[in-house]
Amino acid sequence: MLALPRPPPSPIPPSPLPQPPPQRHSRRPPLFPRPTTPISLSQIIISKRAENGEAPAPDAENLNSSKPTKQKILRQPQRTNPLVWCCAIACLIFSVILIFFGIATLILFLVVKPKTPSFDIPNASLNTIYFDSPEYFNGDFTFLANFSNPNRKLDIRFEYLDLELFFSDRLIATQSLAPFTQRPGEGRVGSVRLISSLVYLPVNHAVALQTQVQNNQVNYNMRGTFKVRASLGMIHFSYWLHSRCQLQMTGPPRGVLVARSCKSKR
């Protein structure tokens, strides 16, 4: 038998060269990852407006769809409601009238210079004070009420007059007067009588009143509430006037006015 030829020896593969270790870069990863698939140049479209920083032009379809809406807004403008016009005209008229009356009132006050009427008690007499029981008081008090109108151009009318007599803070008598009118610079004096009949006084007030009578010095307080109407031709205005008087009397039966202090304010 013939001997087979030996196979040629297999070449020894070259040993791989040592690779350097991968270097770590400190830079940040790219914002836009690289595409995994290749892109042809025909698919790349560069917009000139995008390069210039302008917004892309709207599509023709969007333009066509927005035209009818704009045309509708231009063709149908909103009309003001007639009720709004009426309210605006009414407000304007009211404002003009208000301004006119405000200026007229200011001129009137500057020209006329209205003054507050005064109330005073020039004289008074204390006739009686006695007790039916330790807590029930009886008294008779008479005084002169002086009303004066210091205005030179205004007529004054007292439409409501109410007078109240107090001992300390306790009401012991009250009286209402009839309305009357005063001309500019005119005064009016009238006698007013206040009678206290079985008026209840707490024990401390009753003891204080008896002590004042024994010491021949009785202190009363008078409060007046008046509604005043001032008139200048067809123009008039009303206000409330409050008067306070402190009276010092001697003891009954011939009690006279020793001292007084009266103030009036609106």
Protein backbone atom coordinates (compact mmCIF):
# COMPACT_ATOMS: atom_id res chain seq x y z
CA MET A 1 0.00 0.00 0.00
CA LEU A 2 1.06 3.50 -0.77
CA ALA A 3 1.59 5.92 2.08
CA LEU A 4 -0.67 9.05 2.17
CA PRO A 5 1.03 12.42 2.19
CA ARG A 6 1.04 14.33 5.43
CA PRO A 7 -1.18 17.41 5.67
CA PRO A 8 0.61 20.71 5.62
CA PRO A 9 1.11 22.23 9.00
CA SER A 10 -1.55 24.86 10.05
CA PRO A 11 -0.24 28.35 10.32
CA ILE A 12 0.07 29.73 13.83
CA PRO A 13 -2.35 32.64 14.30
CA PRO A 14 -0.70 35.85 15.30
CA SER A 15 -1.20 36.85 18.92
CA PRO A 16 -3.43 39.93 19.37
CA LEU A 17 -1.69 43.11 20.26
CA PRO A 18 -2.42 44.49 23.73
CA GLN A 19 -5.14 47.16 23.62
CA PRO A 20 -4.86 50.24 25.78
CA PRO A 21 -7.49 50.60 28.50
CA PRO A 22 -10.53 52.68 27.52
CA GLN A 23 -10.15 56.30 28.46
CA ARG A 24 -12.91 58.03 30.36
CA HIS A 25 -13.79 61.40 29.04
CA SER A 26 -15.10 64.05 31.42
CA ARG A 27 -17.17 65.74 28.81
CA ARG A 28 -20.93 65.37 28.90
CA PRO A 29 -22.70 62.92 26.60
CA PRO A 30 -24.06 64.47 23.41
CA LEU A 31 -27.48 66.06 23.64
CA PHE A 32 -28.63 64.42 20.47
CA PRO A 33 -27.74 60.74 20.12
CA ARG A 34 -26.31 59.60 16.85
CA PRO A 35 -28.75 57.82 14.63
CA THR A 36 -28.26 54.15 14.46
CA THR A 37 -29.41 53.96 10.87
CA PRO A 38 -27.74 55.90 8.10
CA ILE A 39 -29.57 58.90 6.63
CA SER A 40 -29.25 59.82 3.04
CA LEU A 41 -28.58 63.34 1.94
CA SER A 42 -31.84 63.49 0.06
CA GLN A 43 -33.78 63.17 3.33
CA ILE A 44 -32.11 66.20 4.94
CA ILE A 45 -34.15 69.42 4.51
CA ILE A 46 -32.79 72.73 5.77
CA SER A 47 -35.31 75.55 6.31
CA LYS A 48 -34.03 79.04 5.71
CA ARG A 49 -36.49 80.48 8.17
CA ALA A 50 -35.33 78.04 10.85
CA GLU A 51 -31.73 79.13 10.19
CA ASN A 52 -32.70 82.80 10.52
CA GLY A 53 -34.55 82.15 13.82
CA GLU A 54 -38.00 82.75 12.36
CA ALA A 55 -41.07 80.67 12.96
CA PRO A 56 -41.97 78.26 10.20
CA ALA A 57 -44.58 79.44 7.77
CA PRO A 58 -48.03 78.03 8.32
CA ASP A 59 -49.31 75.47 5.96
CA ALA A 60 -51.63 76.41 3.19
CA GLU A 61 -54.34 74.29 4.73
CA ASN A 62 -54.13 76.16 8.05
CA LEU A 63 -54.30 79.49 6.19
CA ASN A 64 -57.34 78.39 4.27
CA SER A 65 -59.03 77.14 7.45
CA SER A 66 -58.35 80.40 9.42
CA LYS A 67 -59.61 82.78 6.75
CA PRO A 68 -63.32 82.15 7.26
CA THR A 69 -63.01 82.75 11.03
CA LYS A 70 -61.27 86.10 10.55
CA GLN A 71 -63.76 87.11 7.91
CA LYS A 72 -66.62 86.30 10.29
CA ILE A 73 -65.13 88.47 13.06
CA LEU A 74 -64.61 91.39 10.71
CA ARG A 75 -68.01 91.13 9.12
CA GLN A 76 -69.96 90.87 12.40
CA PRO A 77 -68.73 93.56 14.88
CA GLN A 78 -70.30 93.60 18.35
CA ARG A 79 -72.85 96.34 18.99
CA THR A 80 -73.29 98.11 22.35
CA ASN A 81 -76.48 97.28 24.15
CA PRO A 82 -78.90 100.28 24.23
CA LEU A 83 -79.47 99.65 27.94
CA VAL A 84 -75.78 100.34 28.57
CA TRP A 85 -76.05 103.67 26.73
CA CYS A 86 -79.11 104.64 28.80
CA CYS A 87 -77.33 103.82 32.06
CA ALA A 88 -74.27 105.80 31.01
CA ILE A 89 -76.36 108.87 30.08
CA ALA A 90 -78.30 108.66 33.37
CA CYS A 91 -75.06 108.45 35.36
CA LEU A 92 -73.68 111.44 33.49
CA ILE A 93 -76.77 113.54 34.20
CA PHE A 94 -76.76 112.52 37.87
CA SER A 95 -73.07 113.41 38.20
CA VAL A 96 -73.63 116.86 36.67
CA ILE A 97 -76.57 117.54 39.02
CA LEU A 98 -74.57 116.36 42.01
CA ILE A 99 -71.62 118.58 41.12
CA PHE A 100 -73.94 121.56 40.60
CA PHE A 101 -75.65 121.17 43.98
CA GLY A 102 -72.29 120.60 45.68
CA ILE A 103 -70.90 123.86 44.28
CA ALA A 104 -74.12 125.72 45.15
CA THR A 105 -74.04 124.42 48.73
CA LEU A 106 -70.40 125.42 49.12
CA ILE A 107 -71.11 128.94 47.85
CA LEU A 108 -74.12 129.18 50.16
CA PHE A 109 -72.10 128.21 53.22
CA LEU A 110 -69.30 130.63 52.31
CA VAL A 111 -71.72 133.54 51.78
CA VAL A 112 -74.24 132.89 54.55
CA LYS A 113 -71.89 131.35 57.16
CA PRO A 114 -74.60 129.56 59.17
CA LYS A 115 -74.22 129.49 62.96
CA THR A 116 -75.62 127.12 65.54
CA PRO A 117 -78.56 128.43 67.63
CA SER A 118 -77.90 128.70 71.36
CA PHE A 119 -79.84 127.58 74.42
CA ASP A 120 -79.29 129.08 77.87
CA ILE A 121 -80.90 129.19 81.32
CA PRO A 122 -80.48 132.74 82.70
CA ASN A 123 -82.61 132.15 85.81
CA ALA A 124 -84.19 129.31 87.78
CA SER A 125 -85.91 128.63 91.10
CA LEU A 126 -86.17 125.48 93.20
CA ASN A 127 -89.51 125.57 95.04
CA THR A 128 -89.99 122.14 96.58
CA ILE A 129 -88.09 118.98 97.44
CA TYR A 130 -89.54 116.34 99.77
CA PHE A 131 -89.72 112.58 100.11
CA ASP A 132 -92.90 110.57 100.69
CA SER A 133 -90.67 107.60 101.50
CA PRO A 134 -86.92 107.03 101.56
CA GLU A 135 -86.92 106.18 97.82
CA TYR A 136 -89.72 108.31 96.26
CA PHE A 137 -88.96 111.92 95.49
CA ASN A 138 -91.22 114.97 94.80
CA GLY A 139 -90.01 118.30 93.48
CA ASP A 140 -90.99 121.56 91.79
CA PHE A 141 -88.42 123.30 89.60
CA THR A 142 -88.96 126.39 87.36
CA PHE A 143 -86.48 128.00 84.98
CA LEU A 144 -86.26 130.48 82.09
CA ALA A 145 -85.34 129.00 78.71
CA ASN A 146 -83.56 131.41 76.38
CA PHE A 147 -83.36 130.48 72.68
CA SER A 148 -81.44 132.77 70.31
CA ASN A 149 -80.74 132.80 66.57
CA PRO A 150 -77.26 134.27 65.90
CA ASN A 151 -77.62 134.06 62.10
CA ARG A 152 -78.06 137.25 60.07
CA LYS A 153 -79.65 135.74 56.96
CA LEU A 154 -81.21 132.47 58.09
CA ASP A 155 -84.62 131.87 59.61
CA ILE A 156 -84.63 129.22 62.34
CA ARG A 157 -87.54 127.00 63.28
CA PHE A 158 -87.47 124.67 66.27
CA GLU A 159 -89.68 121.79 65.15
CA TYR A 160 -89.09 119.50 68.13
CA LEU A 161 -88.12 120.50 71.69
CA ASP A 162 -87.60 118.09 74.58
CA LEU A 163 -86.14 119.11 77.97
CA GLU A 164 -85.02 116.64 80.66
CA LEU A 165 -83.93 117.32 84.25
CA PHE A 166 -81.41 114.98 85.88
CA PHE A 167 -80.03 114.58 89.38
CA SER A 168 -76.69 112.90 88.93
CA ASP A 169 -77.53 110.34 86.19
CA ARG A 170 -81.19 109.79 87.20
CA LEU A 171 -84.04 111.37 85.23
CA ILE A 172 -86.40 113.19 87.62
CA ALA A 173 -88.55 115.36 85.28
CA THR A 174 -89.21 115.99 81.57
CA GLN A 175 -91.12 118.54 79.50
CA SER A 176 -91.85 119.13 75.79
CA LEU A 177 -92.32 122.58 74.24
CA ALA A 178 -94.40 123.75 71.30
CA PRO A 179 -92.57 124.49 68.00
CA PHE A 180 -91.77 128.11 67.14
CA THR A 181 -89.87 130.17 64.54
CA GLN A 182 -87.16 132.80 64.98
CA ARG A 183 -86.11 135.51 62.56
CA PRO A 184 -82.43 136.34 61.97
CA GLY A 185 -80.91 137.75 65.18
CA GLU A 186 -84.08 137.13 67.20
CA GLY A 187 -84.25 135.67 70.72
CA ARG A 188 -87.03 134.00 72.68
CA VAL A 189 -87.39 133.59 76.44
CA GLY A 190 -90.01 131.39 78.06
CA SER A 191 -90.75 130.00 81.50
CA VAL A 192 -90.70 126.22 81.87
CA ARG A 193 -91.94 124.33 84.92
CA LEU A 194 -90.81 120.80 85.74
CA ILE A 195 -92.68 118.80 88.38
CA SER A 196 -91.42 115.54 89.82
CA SER A 197 -94.12 113.36 91.39
CA LEU A 198 -93.22 110.15 93.19
CA VAL A 199 -90.05 109.66 91.18
CA TYR A 200 -88.10 106.61 92.25
CA LEU A 201 -84.52 107.22 93.37
CA PRO A 202 -82.07 104.57 94.52
CA VAL A 203 -81.02 104.79 98.15
CA ASN A 204 -77.60 106.28 97.39
CA HIS A 205 -79.11 109.00 95.13
CA ALA A 206 -81.81 109.80 97.70
CA VAL A 207 -79.24 110.15 100.49
CA ALA A 208 -77.03 112.35 98.25
CA LEU A 209 -79.98 114.66 97.40
CA GLN A 210 -81.00 115.03 101.07
CA THR A 211 -77.41 115.84 101.97
CA GLN A 212 -77.22 118.55 99.29
CA VAL A 213 -80.51 120.08 100.49
CA GLN A 214 -79.17 120.24 104.05
CA ASN A 215 -75.94 121.86 102.78
CA ASN A 216 -78.00 124.43 100.80
CA GLN A 217 -76.38 123.42 97.50
CA VAL A 218 -78.30 121.27 94.96
CA ASN A 219 -76.72 120.30 91.63
CA TYR A 220 -78.99 119.58 88.66
CA ASN A 221 -78.26 118.71 85.01
CA MET A 222 -80.48 119.88 82.14
CA ARG A 223 -80.44 118.18 78.74
CA GLY A 224 -82.21 119.59 75.70
CA THR A 225 -82.80 117.84 72.37
CA PHE A 226 -84.03 120.02 69.49
CA LYS A 227 -84.70 119.52 65.80
CA VAL A 228 -83.80 122.74 63.97
CA ARG A 229 -84.73 123.76 60.44
CA ALA A 230 -82.77 126.61 58.82
CA SER A 231 -84.29 128.39 55.80
CA LEU A 232 -82.98 130.87 53.23
CA GLY A 233 -85.73 131.56 50.73
CA MET A 234 -86.52 128.26 48.98
CA ILE A 235 -83.42 126.59 50.37
CA HIS A 236 -83.64 124.84 53.74
CA PHE A 237 -81.87 122.10 55.69
CA SER A 238 -82.51 120.39 59.03
CA TYR A 239 -80.28 119.06 61.79
CA TRP A 240 -80.39 117.99 65.45
CA LEU A 241 -79.14 120.25 68.23
CA HIS A 242 -78.08 118.93 71.66
CA SER A 243 -77.70 121.22 74.68
CA ARG A 244 -76.23 120.43 78.11
CA CYS A 245 -76.48 122.68 81.18
CA GLN A 246 -75.07 122.23 84.68
CA LEU A 247 -77.01 124.13 87.33
CA GLN A 248 -76.14 124.88 90.94
CA MET A 249 -79.11 125.86 93.11
CA THR A 250 -79.64 126.81 96.74
CA GLY A 251 -82.01 124.73 98.86
CA PRO A 252 -85.81 125.07 98.75
CA PRO A 253 -88.25 126.64 99.34
CA ARG A 254 -86.49 129.73 97.97
CA GLY A 255 -83.80 128.06 95.94
CA VAL A 256 -82.15 130.37 93.43
CA LEU A 257 -79.65 129.84 90.64
CA VAL A 258 -76.08 130.31 91.86
CA ALA A 259 -74.02 129.09 88.86
CA ARG A 260 -74.64 127.64 85.43
CA SER A 261 -72.76 126.32 82.40
CA CYS A 262 -74.54 125.62 79.09
CA LYS A 263 -73.15 124.22 75.82
CA SER A 264 -74.92 123.47 72.54
CA LYS A 265 -73.62 121.38 69.64
CA ARG A 266 -74.89 119.41 66.69
